[in-house]
Amino acid sequence: QVQLVESGGGLVQPGGSLRLSCAGSGLLFSLYNMRWGWYRRAPGKQRELVATITSGGSTNYADSVKGRFTISKDNAKNTVYLQMNSLKPEDTAVYYCNSGIHSLDYWGQGTQVTVSS
């Protein structure tokens, strides 16, 4: 059974930084090089893509975070990271980790990020 556990969320002032981590466990991680992604849901809004990284390491970012956020992964640790710099109040949301292979898709429980002075 696949499990994704996020960590690293919290309260930060505008302009600050946070680093989110998501560790995956389960048989699939030992068999496949999974794809990864970070998504977020702000209060009153739909969930939106933040960043993705393919099994080959190609990355994709939402326009709103380009140049500020960086997604990376450590295949040996089955972990994906999201380095968030120059945070803005509009980045406040619950951030969800996603991982998958082929048609299989898995989600973490989410971690709250609040950007406020």
PDB file of N, CA and C in Angstrom:
ATOM      1  N   GLN A   1       0.844  -1.190   0.000  1.00  0.00           N
ATOM      2  CA  GLN A   1       0.000   0.000   0.000  1.00  0.00           C
ATOM      3  C   GLN A   1       0.879   1.239   0.000  1.00  0.00           C
ATOM      4  N   VAL A   2       0.524   2.184  -0.850  1.00  0.00           N
ATOM      5  CA  VAL A   2       1.308   3.411  -0.965  1.00  0.00           C
ATOM      6  C   VAL A   2       0.861   4.414   0.080  1.00  0.00           C
ATOM      7  N   GLN A   3       1.820   5.052   0.713  1.00  0.00           N
ATOM      8  CA  GLN A   3       1.532   6.107   1.672  1.00  0.00           C
ATOM      9  C   GLN A   3       2.453   7.283   1.395  1.00  0.00           C
ATOM     10  N   LEU A   4       1.871   8.488   1.414  1.00  0.00           N
ATOM     11  CA  LEU A   4       2.634   9.719   1.231  1.00  0.00           C
ATOM     12  C   LEU A   4       2.462  10.575   2.477  1.00  0.00           C
ATOM     13  N   VAL A   5       3.566  11.027   3.038  1.00  0.00           N
ATOM     14  CA  VAL A   5       3.515  11.818   4.259  1.00  0.00           C
ATOM     15  C   VAL A   5       4.260  13.127   4.039  1.00  0.00           C
ATOM     16  N   GLU A   6       3.492  14.239   4.113  1.00  0.00           N
ATOM     17  CA  GLU A   6       4.080  15.564   3.926  1.00  0.00           C
ATOM     18  C   GLU A   6       4.558  16.136   5.251  1.00  0.00           C
ATOM     19  N   SER A   7       5.515  17.029   5.175  1.00  0.00           N
ATOM     20  CA  SER A   7       5.990  17.758   6.346  1.00  0.00           C
ATOM     21  C   SER A   7       6.587  19.075   5.886  1.00  0.00           C
ATOM     22  N   GLY A   8       6.760  19.995   6.847  1.00  0.00           N
ATOM     23  CA  GLY A   8       7.438  21.241   6.537  1.00  0.00           C
ATOM     24  C   GLY A   8       6.556  22.468   6.437  1.00  0.00           C
ATOM     25  N   GLY A   9       5.247  22.280   6.538  1.00  0.00           N
ATOM     26  CA  GLY A   9       4.373  23.433   6.480  1.00  0.00           C
ATOM     27  C   GLY A   9       4.455  24.265   7.745  1.00  0.00           C
ATOM     28  N   GLY A  10       3.798  25.428   7.724  1.00  0.00           N
ATOM     29  CA  GLY A  10       3.809  26.285   8.893  1.00  0.00           C
ATOM     30  C   GLY A  10       3.441  27.707   8.558  1.00  0.00           C
ATOM     31  N   LEU A  11       3.716  28.587   9.504  1.00  0.00           N
ATOM     32  CA  LEU A  11       3.433  30.016   9.367  1.00  0.00           C
ATOM     33  C   LEU A  11       4.739  30.740   9.043  1.00  0.00           C
ATOM     34  N   VAL A  12       4.689  31.587   8.021  1.00  0.00           N
ATOM     35  CA  VAL A  12       5.871  32.333   7.604  1.00  0.00           C
ATOM     36  C   VAL A  12       5.448  33.729   7.183  1.00  0.00           C
ATOM     37  N   GLN A  13       6.332  34.681   7.368  1.00  0.00           N
ATOM     38  CA  GLN A  13       6.042  36.051   6.976  1.00  0.00           C
ATOM     39  C   GLN A  13       6.216  36.222   5.464  1.00  0.00           C
ATOM     40  N   PRO A  14       5.531  37.178   4.882  1.00  0.00           N
ATOM     41  CA  PRO A  14       5.730  37.462   3.452  1.00  0.00           C
ATOM     42  C   PRO A  14       7.205  37.705   3.157  1.00  0.00           C
ATOM     43  N   GLY A  15       7.651  37.123   2.044  1.00  0.00           N
ATOM     44  CA  GLY A  15       9.059  37.215   1.675  1.00  0.00           C
ATOM     45  C   GLY A  15       9.906  36.100   2.234  1.00  0.00           C
ATOM     46  N   GLY A  16       9.351  35.317   3.130  1.00  0.00           N
ATOM     47  CA  GLY A  16      10.083  34.224   3.750  1.00  0.00           C
ATOM     48  C   GLY A  16      10.114  32.975   2.896  1.00  0.00           C
ATOM     49  N   SER A  17      10.713  31.925   3.466  1.00  0.00           N
ATOM     50  CA  SER A  17      10.880  30.660   2.753  1.00  0.00           C
ATOM     51  C   SER A  17      10.422  29.488   3.611  1.00  0.00           C
ATOM     52  N   LEU A  18       9.993  28.452   2.931  1.00  0.00           N
ATOM     53  CA  LEU A  18       9.672  27.173   3.554  1.00  0.00           C
ATOM     54  C   LEU A  18      10.087  26.068   2.601  1.00  0.00           C
ATOM     55  N   ARG A  19      10.390  24.909   3.185  1.00  0.00           N
ATOM     56  CA  ARG A  19      10.700  23.735   2.378  1.00  0.00           C
ATOM     57  C   ARG A  19       9.768  22.607   2.790  1.00  0.00           C
ATOM     58  N   LEU A  20       8.947  22.172   1.849  1.00  0.00           N
ATOM     59  CA  LEU A  20       8.062  21.044   2.081  1.00  0.00           C
ATOM     60  C   LEU A  20       8.752  19.758   1.641  1.00  0.00           C
ATOM     61  N   SER A  21       8.457  18.690   2.371  1.00  0.00           N
ATOM     62  CA  SER A  21       8.957  17.363   2.014  1.00  0.00           C
ATOM     63  C   SER A  21       7.790  16.400   1.960  1.00  0.00           C
ATOM     64  N   CYS A  22       7.920  15.388   1.144  1.00  0.00           N
ATOM     65  CA  CYS A  22       6.908  14.340   1.055  1.00  0.00           C
ATOM     66  C   CYS A  22       7.630  13.018   0.860  1.00  0.00           C
ATOM     67  N   ALA A  23       7.472  12.136   1.825  1.00  0.00           N
ATOM     68  CA  ALA A  23       8.126  10.834   1.770  1.00  0.00           C
ATOM     69  C   ALA A  23       7.113   9.765   1.382  1.00  0.00           C
ATOM     70  N   GLY A  24       7.486   8.971   0.415  1.00  0.00           N
ATOM     71  CA  GLY A  24       6.618   7.893  -0.039  1.00  0.00           C
ATOM     72  C   GLY A  24       7.093   6.552   0.463  1.00  0.00           C
ATOM     73  N   SER A  25       6.133   5.675   0.738  1.00  0.00           N
ATOM     74  CA  SER A  25       6.465   4.315   1.153  1.00  0.00           C
ATOM     75  C   SER A  25       5.509   3.346   0.487  1.00  0.00           C
ATOM     76  N   GLY A  26       5.951   2.102   0.360  1.00  0.00           N
ATOM     77  CA  GLY A  26       5.124   1.089  -0.283  1.00  0.00           C
ATOM     78  C   GLY A  26       5.869   0.399  -1.405  1.00  0.00           C
ATOM     79  N   LEU A  27       5.301  -0.711  -1.811  1.00  0.00           N
ATOM     80  CA  LEU A  27       5.971  -1.567  -2.783  1.00  0.00           C
ATOM     81  C   LEU A  27       6.254  -0.860  -4.112  1.00  0.00           C
ATOM     82  N   LEU A  28       5.311  -0.036  -4.561  1.00  0.00           N
ATOM     83  CA  LEU A  28       5.479   0.606  -5.865  1.00  0.00           C
ATOM     84  C   LEU A  28       6.758   1.433  -5.943  1.00  0.00           C
ATOM     85  N   PHE A  29       7.153   2.037  -4.825  1.00  0.00           N
ATOM     86  CA  PHE A  29       8.347   2.873  -4.831  1.00  0.00           C
ATOM     87  C   PHE A  29       9.613   2.050  -5.022  1.00  0.00           C
ATOM     88  N   SER A  30       9.575   0.803  -4.642  1.00  0.00           N
ATOM     89  CA  SER A  30      10.741  -0.057  -4.848  1.00  0.00           C
ATOM     90  C   SER A  30      10.757  -0.666  -6.245  1.00  0.00           C
ATOM     91  N   LEU A  31       9.608  -0.607  -6.935  1.00  0.00           N
ATOM     92  CA  LEU A  31       9.512  -1.202  -8.273  1.00  0.00           C
ATOM     93  C   LEU A  31       9.631  -0.174  -9.386  1.00  0.00           C
ATOM     94  N   TYR A  32       9.171   1.052  -9.116  1.00  0.00           N
ATOM     95  CA  TYR A  32       9.089   2.056 -10.174  1.00  0.00           C
ATOM     96  C   TYR A  32       9.740   3.369  -9.763  1.00  0.00           C
ATOM     97  N   ASN A  33      10.134   4.113 -10.775  1.00  0.00           N
ATOM     98  CA  ASN A  33      10.578   5.499 -10.595  1.00  0.00           C
ATOM     99  C   ASN A  33       9.325   6.359 -10.806  1.00  0.00           C
ATOM    100  N   MET A  34       8.738   6.779  -9.717  1.00  0.00           N
ATOM    101  CA  MET A  34       7.418   7.416  -9.761  1.00  0.00           C
ATOM    102  C   MET A  34       7.501   8.868 -10.233  1.00  0.00           C
ATOM    103  N   ARG A  35       6.388   9.364 -10.742  1.00  0.00           N
ATOM    104  CA  ARG A  35       6.253  10.798 -10.992  1.00  0.00           C
ATOM    105  C   ARG A  35       5.753  11.445  -9.697  1.00  0.00           C
ATOM    106  N   TRP A  36       6.017  12.751  -9.547  1.00  0.00           N
ATOM    107  CA  TRP A  36       5.657  13.469  -8.333  1.00  0.00           C
ATOM    108  C   TRP A  36       5.065  14.823  -8.679  1.00  0.00           C
ATOM    109  N   GLY A  37       4.282  15.338  -7.733  1.00  0.00           N
ATOM    110  CA  GLY A  37       3.744  16.671  -7.920  1.00  0.00           C
ATOM    111  C   GLY A  37       3.324  17.282  -6.597  1.00  0.00           C
ATOM    112  N   TRP A  38       3.251  18.604  -6.600  1.00  0.00           N
ATOM    113  CA  TRP A  38       2.683  19.356  -5.484  1.00  0.00           C
ATOM    114  C   TRP A  38       1.480  20.138  -6.006  1.00  0.00           C
ATOM    115  N   TYR A  39       0.397  20.093  -5.253  1.00  0.00           N
ATOM    116  CA  TYR A  39      -0.816  20.823  -5.555  1.00  0.00           C
ATOM    117  C   TYR A  39      -1.209  21.604  -4.304  1.00  0.00           C
ATOM    118  N   ARG A  40      -2.102  22.561  -4.469  1.00  0.00           N
ATOM    119  CA  ARG A  40      -2.554  23.317  -3.298  1.00  0.00           C
ATOM    120  C   ARG A  40      -4.009  23.698  -3.454  1.00  0.00           C
ATOM    121  N   ARG A  41      -4.642  23.873  -2.308  1.00  0.00           N
ATOM    122  CA  ARG A  41      -6.028  24.343  -2.281  1.00  0.00           C
ATOM    123  C   ARG A  41      -6.115  25.489  -1.295  1.00  0.00           C
ATOM    124  N   ALA A  42      -6.397  26.664  -1.814  1.00  0.00           N
ATOM    125  CA  ALA A  42      -6.587  27.842  -0.976  1.00  0.00           C
ATOM    126  C   ALA A  42      -8.036  27.888  -0.499  1.00  0.00           C
ATOM    127  N   PRO A  43      -8.307  28.595   0.599  1.00  0.00           N
ATOM    128  CA  PRO A  43      -9.682  28.678   1.102  1.00  0.00           C
ATOM    129  C   PRO A  43     -10.633  29.202   0.034  1.00  0.00           C
ATOM    130  N   GLY A  44     -11.712  28.475  -0.193  1.00  0.00           N
ATOM    131  CA  GLY A  44     -12.719  28.896  -1.148  1.00  0.00           C
ATOM    132  C   GLY A  44     -12.356  28.687  -2.598  1.00  0.00           C
ATOM    133  N   LYS A  45     -11.241  28.020  -2.868  1.00  0.00           N
ATOM    134  CA  LYS A  45     -10.804  27.812  -4.248  1.00  0.00           C
ATOM    135  C   LYS A  45     -10.632  26.328  -4.537  1.00  0.00           C
ATOM    136  N   GLN A  46     -10.552  26.022  -5.816  1.00  0.00           N
ATOM    137  CA  GLN A  46     -10.307  24.642  -6.214  1.00  0.00           C
ATOM    138  C   GLN A  46      -8.820  24.311  -6.085  1.00  0.00           C
ATOM    139  N   ARG A  47      -8.564  23.024  -6.005  1.00  0.00           N
ATOM    140  CA  ARG A  47      -7.173  22.572  -5.963  1.00  0.00           C
ATOM    141  C   ARG A  47      -6.488  22.908  -7.284  1.00  0.00           C
ATOM    142  N   GLU A  48      -5.255  23.369  -7.200  1.00  0.00           N
ATOM    143  CA  GLU A  48      -4.514  23.740  -8.398  1.00  0.00           C
ATOM    144  C   GLU A  48      -3.105  23.147  -8.361  1.00  0.00           C
ATOM    145  N   LEU A  49      -2.585  22.938  -9.563  1.00  0.00           N
ATOM    146  CA  LEU A  49      -1.230  22.423  -9.686  1.00  0.00           C
ATOM    147  C   LEU A  49      -0.228  23.501  -9.277  1.00  0.00           C
ATOM    148  N   VAL A  50       0.790  23.090  -8.534  1.00  0.00           N
ATOM    149  CA  VAL A  50       1.877  23.989  -8.186  1.00  0.00           C
ATOM    150  C   VAL A  50       3.122  23.641  -9.004  1.00  0.00           C
ATOM    151  N   ALA A  51       3.521  22.364  -8.935  1.00  0.00           N
ATOM    152  CA  ALA A  51       4.725  21.931  -9.648  1.00  0.00           C
ATOM    153  C   ALA A  51       4.704  20.422  -9.789  1.00  0.00           C
ATOM    154  N   THR A  52       5.300  19.936 -10.866  1.00  0.00           N
ATOM    155  CA  THR A  52       5.431  18.496 -11.077  1.00  0.00           C
ATOM    156  C   THR A  52       6.853  18.166 -11.511  1.00  0.00           C
ATOM    157  N   ILE A  53       7.224  16.922 -11.264  1.00  0.00           N
ATOM    158  CA  ILE A  53       8.517  16.424 -11.724  1.00  0.00           C
ATOM    159  C   ILE A  53       8.314  14.994 -12.195  1.00  0.00           C
ATOM    160  N   THR A  54       8.764  14.721 -13.411  1.00  0.00           N
ATOM    161  CA  THR A  54       8.557  13.394 -13.994  1.00  0.00           C
ATOM    162  C   THR A  54       9.587  12.412 -13.459  1.00  0.00           C
ATOM    163  N   SER A  55       9.391  11.150 -13.805  1.00  0.00           N
ATOM    164  CA  SER A  55      10.356  10.135 -13.402  1.00  0.00           C
ATOM    165  C   SER A  55      11.736  10.446 -13.969  1.00  0.00           C
ATOM    166  N   GLY A  56      11.774  11.112 -15.111  1.00  0.00           N
ATOM    167  CA  GLY A  56      13.051  11.471 -15.722  1.00  0.00           C
ATOM    168  C   GLY A  56      13.652  12.765 -15.220  1.00  0.00           C
ATOM    169  N   GLY A  57      12.890  13.480 -14.376  1.00  0.00           N
ATOM    170  CA  GLY A  57      13.423  14.703 -13.782  1.00  0.00           C
ATOM    171  C   GLY A  57      12.982  15.995 -14.439  1.00  0.00           C
ATOM    172  N   SER A  58      12.115  15.917 -15.442  1.00  0.00           N
ATOM    173  CA  SER A  58      11.604  17.136 -16.059  1.00  0.00           C
ATOM    174  C   SER A  58      10.601  17.805 -15.137  1.00  0.00           C
ATOM    175  N   THR A  59      10.679  19.127 -15.063  1.00  0.00           N
ATOM    176  CA  THR A  59       9.826  19.865 -14.134  1.00  0.00           C
ATOM    177  C   THR A  59       8.861  20.779 -14.869  1.00  0.00           C
ATOM    178  N   ASN A  60       7.768  21.092 -14.173  1.00  0.00           N
ATOM    179  CA  ASN A  60       6.757  21.992 -14.697  1.00  0.00           C
ATOM    180  C   ASN A  60       6.207  22.791 -13.524  1.00  0.00           C
ATOM    181  N   TYR A  61       5.949  24.086 -13.748  1.00  0.00           N
ATOM    182  CA  TYR A  61       5.497  24.957 -12.675  1.00  0.00           C
ATOM    183  C   TYR A  61       4.279  25.771 -13.109  1.00  0.00           C
ATOM    184  N   ALA A  62       3.424  26.058 -12.151  1.00  0.00           N
ATOM    185  CA  ALA A  62       2.368  27.028 -12.377  1.00  0.00           C
ATOM    186  C   ALA A  62       3.012  28.394 -12.588  1.00  0.00           C
ATOM    187  N   ASP A  63       2.404  29.208 -13.433  1.00  0.00           N
ATOM    188  CA  ASP A  63       2.961  30.532 -13.714  1.00  0.00           C
ATOM    189  C   ASP A  63       3.112  31.355 -12.435  1.00  0.00           C
ATOM    190  N   SER A  64       2.204  31.158 -11.493  1.00  0.00           N
ATOM    191  CA  SER A  64       2.194  31.967 -10.275  1.00  0.00           C
ATOM    192  C   SER A  64       3.387  31.694  -9.359  1.00  0.00           C
ATOM    193  N   VAL A  65       4.074  30.568  -9.563  1.00  0.00           N
ATOM    194  CA  VAL A  65       5.196  30.230  -8.672  1.00  0.00           C
ATOM    195  C   VAL A  65       6.530  30.155  -9.399  1.00  0.00           C
ATOM    196  N   LYS A  66       6.514  30.318 -10.704  1.00  0.00           N
ATOM    197  CA  LYS A  66       7.771  30.243 -11.466  1.00  0.00           C
ATOM    198  C   LYS A  66       8.780  31.270 -10.949  1.00  0.00           C
ATOM    199  N   GLY A  67      10.005  30.805 -10.790  1.00  0.00           N
ATOM    200  CA  GLY A  67      11.068  31.686 -10.302  1.00  0.00           C
ATOM    201  C   GLY A  67      11.130  31.793  -8.795  1.00  0.00           C
ATOM    202  N   ARG A  68      10.106  31.287  -8.101  1.00  0.00           N
ATOM    203  CA  ARG A  68      10.078  31.353  -6.631  1.00  0.00           C
ATOM    204  C   ARG A  68      10.131  29.967  -5.998  1.00  0.00           C
ATOM    205  N   PHE A  69       9.496  28.996  -6.615  1.00  0.00           N
ATOM    206  CA  PHE A  69       9.419  27.631  -6.080  1.00  0.00           C
ATOM    207  C   PHE A  69      10.291  26.696  -6.914  1.00  0.00           C
ATOM    208  N   THR A  70      10.853  25.693  -6.253  1.00  0.00           N
ATOM    209  CA  THR A  70      11.646  24.680  -6.936  1.00  0.00           C
ATOM    210  C   THR A  70      11.255  23.302  -6.427  1.00  0.00           C
ATOM    211  N   ILE A  71      10.893  22.430  -7.358  1.00  0.00           N
ATOM    212  CA  ILE A  71      10.584  21.045  -7.008  1.00  0.00           C
ATOM    213  C   ILE A  71      11.810  20.189  -7.296  1.00  0.00           C
ATOM    214  N   SER A  72      12.079  19.239  -6.415  1.00  0.00           N
ATOM    215  CA  SER A  72      13.191  18.318  -6.617  1.00  0.00           C
ATOM    216  C   SER A  72      12.846  16.996  -5.955  1.00  0.00           C
ATOM    217  N   LYS A  73      13.627  15.974  -6.262  1.00  0.00           N
ATOM    218  CA  LYS A  73      13.340  14.673  -5.675  1.00  0.00           C
ATOM    219  C   LYS A  73      14.621  13.934  -5.375  1.00  0.00           C
ATOM    220  N   ASP A  74      14.506  13.003  -4.439  1.00  0.00           N
ATOM    221  CA  ASP A  74      15.603  12.105  -4.092  1.00  0.00           C
ATOM    222  C   ASP A  74      15.067  10.690  -4.270  1.00  0.00           C
ATOM    223  N   ASN A  75      15.421  10.068  -5.376  1.00  0.00           N
ATOM    224  CA  ASN A  75      14.879   8.741  -5.673  1.00  0.00           C
ATOM    225  C   ASN A  75      15.291   7.711  -4.619  1.00  0.00           C
ATOM    226  N   ALA A  76      16.476   7.839  -4.092  1.00  0.00           N
ATOM    227  CA  ALA A  76      16.953   6.869  -3.101  1.00  0.00           C
ATOM    228  C   ALA A  76      16.124   6.918  -1.825  1.00  0.00           C
ATOM    229  N   LYS A  77      15.585   8.105  -1.530  1.00  0.00           N
ATOM    230  CA  LYS A  77      14.779   8.271  -0.322  1.00  0.00           C
ATOM    231  C   LYS A  77      13.286   8.264  -0.612  1.00  0.00           C
ATOM    232  N   ASN A  78      12.912   8.118  -1.890  1.00  0.00           N
ATOM    233  CA  ASN A  78      11.487   8.178  -2.268  1.00  0.00           C
ATOM    234  C   ASN A  78      10.838   9.439  -1.721  1.00  0.00           C
ATOM    235  N   THR A  79      11.509  10.549  -1.901  1.00  0.00           N
ATOM    236  CA  THR A  79      11.067  11.814  -1.319  1.00  0.00           C
ATOM    237  C   THR A  79      11.107  12.923  -2.367  1.00  0.00           C
ATOM    238  N   VAL A  80      10.085  13.754  -2.313  1.00  0.00           N
ATOM    239  CA  VAL A  80      10.037  14.939  -3.162  1.00  0.00           C
ATOM    240  C   VAL A  80      10.022  16.164  -2.265  1.00  0.00           C
ATOM    241  N   TYR A  81      10.609  17.243  -2.764  1.00  0.00           N
ATOM    242  CA  TYR A  81      10.713  18.477  -2.007  1.00  0.00           C
ATOM    243  C   TYR A  81      10.102  19.630  -2.802  1.00  0.00           C
ATOM    244  N   LEU A  82       9.656  20.643  -2.072  1.00  0.00           N
ATOM    245  CA  LEU A  82       9.224  21.885  -2.694  1.00  0.00           C
ATOM    246  C   LEU A  82       9.858  23.026  -1.906  1.00  0.00           C
ATOM    247  N   GLN A  83      10.861  23.646  -2.498  1.00  0.00           N
ATOM    248  CA  GLN A  83      11.488  24.811  -1.887  1.00  0.00           C
ATOM    249  C   GLN A  83      10.703  26.039  -2.315  1.00  0.00           C
ATOM    250  N   MET A  84      10.171  26.748  -1.338  1.00  0.00           N
ATOM    251  CA  MET A  84       9.334  27.908  -1.613  1.00  0.00           C
ATOM    252  C   MET A  84      10.011  29.157  -1.071  1.00  0.00           C
ATOM    253  N   ASN A  85      10.379  30.055  -1.973  1.00  0.00           N
ATOM    254  CA  ASN A  85      11.022  31.314  -1.601  1.00  0.00           C
ATOM    255  C   ASN A  85      10.127  32.496  -1.961  1.00  0.00           C
ATOM    256  N   SER A  86      10.444  33.635  -1.399  1.00  0.00           N
ATOM    257  CA  SER A  86       9.684  34.865  -1.681  1.00  0.00           C
ATOM    258  C   SER A  86       8.186  34.627  -1.549  1.00  0.00           C
ATOM    259  N   LEU A  87       7.800  34.013  -0.463  1.00  0.00           N
ATOM    260  CA  LEU A  87       6.389  33.645  -0.270  1.00  0.00           C
ATOM    261  C   LEU A  87       5.505  34.873  -0.160  1.00  0.00           C
ATOM    262  N   LYS A  88       4.298  34.733  -0.688  1.00  0.00           N
ATOM    263  CA  LYS A  88       3.309  35.799  -0.705  1.00  0.00           C
ATOM    264  C   LYS A  88       2.066  35.344   0.052  1.00  0.00           C
ATOM    265  N   PRO A  89       1.266  36.276   0.545  1.00  0.00           N
ATOM    266  CA  PRO A  89       0.027  35.877   1.230  1.00  0.00           C
ATOM    267  C   PRO A  89      -0.862  34.989   0.356  1.00  0.00           C
ATOM    268  N   GLU A  90      -0.852  35.216  -0.946  1.00  0.00           N
ATOM    269  CA  GLU A  90      -1.679  34.404  -1.840  1.00  0.00           C
ATOM    270  C   GLU A  90      -1.174  32.974  -2.003  1.00  0.00           C
ATOM    271  N   ASP A  91      -0.012  32.669  -1.442  1.00  0.00           N
ATOM    272  CA  ASP A  91       0.467  31.284  -1.429  1.00  0.00           C
ATOM    273  C   ASP A  91      -0.134  30.483  -0.278  1.00  0.00           C
ATOM    274  N   THR A  92      -0.878  31.145   0.598  1.00  0.00           N
ATOM    275  CA  THR A  92      -1.525  30.463   1.708  1.00  0.00           C
ATOM    276  C   THR A  92      -2.498  29.410   1.194  1.00  0.00           C
ATOM    277  N   ALA A  93      -2.303  28.175   1.642  1.00  0.00           N
ATOM    278  CA  ALA A  93      -3.127  27.064   1.169  1.00  0.00           C
ATOM    279  C   ALA A  93      -2.718  25.794   1.901  1.00  0.00           C
ATOM    280  N   VAL A  94      -3.521  24.761   1.707  1.00  0.00           N
ATOM    281  CA  VAL A  94      -3.095  23.417   2.082  1.00  0.00           C
ATOM    282  C   VAL A  94      -2.368  22.824   0.875  1.00  0.00           C
ATOM    283  N   TYR A  95      -1.171  22.362   1.094  1.00  0.00           N
ATOM    284  CA  TYR A  95      -0.347  21.811   0.024  1.00  0.00           C
ATOM    285  C   TYR A  95      -0.384  20.287   0.090  1.00  0.00           C
ATOM    286  N   TYR A  96      -0.662  19.683  -1.067  1.00  0.00           N
ATOM    287  CA  TYR A  96      -0.807  18.236  -1.160  1.00  0.00           C
ATOM    288  C   TYR A  96       0.283  17.655  -2.055  1.00  0.00           C
ATOM    289  N   CYS A  97       0.842  16.558  -1.610  1.00  0.00           N
ATOM    290  CA  CYS A  97       1.813  15.808  -2.387  1.00  0.00           C
ATOM    291  C   CYS A  97       1.064  14.762  -3.223  1.00  0.00           C
ATOM    292  N   ASN A  98       1.549  14.555  -4.419  1.00  0.00           N
ATOM    293  CA  ASN A  98       0.963  13.563  -5.315  1.00  0.00           C
ATOM    294  C   ASN A  98       2.076  12.723  -5.912  1.00  0.00           C
ATOM    295  N   SER A  99       1.800  11.436  -6.077  1.00  0.00           N
ATOM    296  CA  SER A  99       2.754  10.567  -6.751  1.00  0.00           C
ATOM    297  C   SER A  99       1.994   9.494  -7.511  1.00  0.00           C
ATOM    298  N   GLY A 100       2.599   9.008  -8.573  1.00  0.00           N
ATOM    299  CA  GLY A 100       1.897   8.005  -9.351  1.00  0.00           C
ATOM    300  C   GLY A 100       2.766   7.352 -10.392  1.00  0.00           C
ATOM    301  N   ILE A 101       2.183   6.299 -10.993  1.00  0.00           N
ATOM    302  CA  ILE A 101       2.819   5.587 -12.089  1.00  0.00           C
ATOM    303  C   ILE A 101       1.710   5.059 -12.979  1.00  0.00           C
ATOM    304  N   HIS A 102       1.838   5.267 -14.261  1.00  0.00           N
ATOM    305  CA  HIS A 102       0.787   4.906 -15.221  1.00  0.00           C
ATOM    306  C   HIS A 102      -0.528   5.550 -14.790  1.00  0.00           C
ATOM    307  N   SER A 103      -1.562   4.759 -14.617  1.00  0.00           N
ATOM    308  CA  SER A 103      -2.876   5.315 -14.254  1.00  0.00           C
ATOM    309  C   SER A 103      -3.100   5.363 -12.745  1.00  0.00           C
ATOM    310  N   LEU A 104      -2.129   4.957 -11.978  1.00  0.00           N
ATOM    311  CA  LEU A 104      -2.254   4.963 -10.523  1.00  0.00           C
ATOM    312  C   LEU A 104      -1.826   6.315  -9.964  1.00  0.00           C
ATOM    313  N   ASP A 105      -2.626   6.828  -9.039  1.00  0.00           N
ATOM    314  CA  ASP A 105      -2.396   8.160  -8.492  1.00  0.00           C
ATOM    315  C   ASP A 105      -2.622   8.121  -6.986  1.00  0.00           C
ATOM    316  N   TYR A 106      -1.714   8.746  -6.240  1.00  0.00           N
ATOM    317  CA  TYR A 106      -1.812   8.733  -4.786  1.00  0.00           C
ATOM    318  C   TYR A 106      -1.609  10.134  -4.225  1.00  0.00           C
ATOM    319  N   TRP A 107      -2.260  10.381  -3.072  1.00  0.00           N
ATOM    320  CA  TRP A 107      -2.227  11.713  -2.474  1.00  0.00           C
ATOM    321  C   TRP A 107      -1.845  11.634  -1.008  1.00  0.00           C
ATOM    322  N   GLY A 108      -1.145  12.658  -0.547  1.00  0.00           N
ATOM    323  CA  GLY A 108      -0.874  12.804   0.864  1.00  0.00           C
ATOM    324  C   GLY A 108      -2.038  13.477   1.566  1.00  0.00           C
ATOM    325  N   GLN A 109      -1.890  13.664   2.865  1.00  0.00           N
ATOM    326  CA  GLN A 109      -2.984  14.212   3.666  1.00  0.00           C
ATOM    327  C   GLN A 109      -2.999  15.734   3.652  1.00  0.00           C
ATOM    328  N   GLY A 110      -1.925  16.336   3.185  1.00  0.00           N
ATOM    329  CA  GLY A 110      -1.863  17.787   3.095  1.00  0.00           C
ATOM    330  C   GLY A 110      -1.136  18.417   4.264  1.00  0.00           C
ATOM    331  N   THR A 111      -0.510  19.560   3.990  1.00  0.00           N
ATOM    332  CA  THR A 111       0.167  20.323   5.036  1.00  0.00           C
ATOM    333  C   THR A 111      -0.147  21.805   4.829  1.00  0.00           C
ATOM    334  N   GLN A 112      -0.484  22.480   5.920  1.00  0.00           N
ATOM    335  CA  GLN A 112      -0.921  23.873   5.835  1.00  0.00           C
ATOM    336  C   GLN A 112       0.279  24.806   5.727  1.00  0.00           C
ATOM    337  N   VAL A 113       0.196  25.713   4.778  1.00  0.00           N
ATOM    338  CA  VAL A 113       1.171  26.802   4.642  1.00  0.00           C
ATOM    339  C   VAL A 113       0.413  28.112   4.767  1.00  0.00           C
ATOM    340  N   THR A 114       0.815  28.928   5.716  1.00  0.00           N
ATOM    341  CA  THR A 114       0.178  30.222   5.942  1.00  0.00           C
ATOM    342  C   THR A 114       1.235  31.311   5.844  1.00  0.00           C
ATOM    343  N   VAL A 115       0.987  32.255   4.942  1.00  0.00           N
ATOM    344  CA  VAL A 115       1.903  33.376   4.750  1.00  0.00           C
ATOM    345  C   VAL A 115       1.207  34.633   5.249  1.00  0.00           C
ATOM    346  N   SER A 116       1.693  35.154   6.361  1.00  0.00           N
ATOM    347  CA  SER A 116       1.025  36.283   6.992  1.00  0.00           C
ATOM    348  C   SER A 116       2.004  37.019   7.908  1.00  0.00           C
ATOM    349  N   SER A 117       1.794  38.325   8.001  1.00  0.00           N
ATOM    350  CA  SER A 117       2.612  39.123   8.913  1.00  0.00           C
ATOM    351  C   SER A 117       1.910  39.268  10.258  1.00  0.00           C
TER     352      SER A 117
END
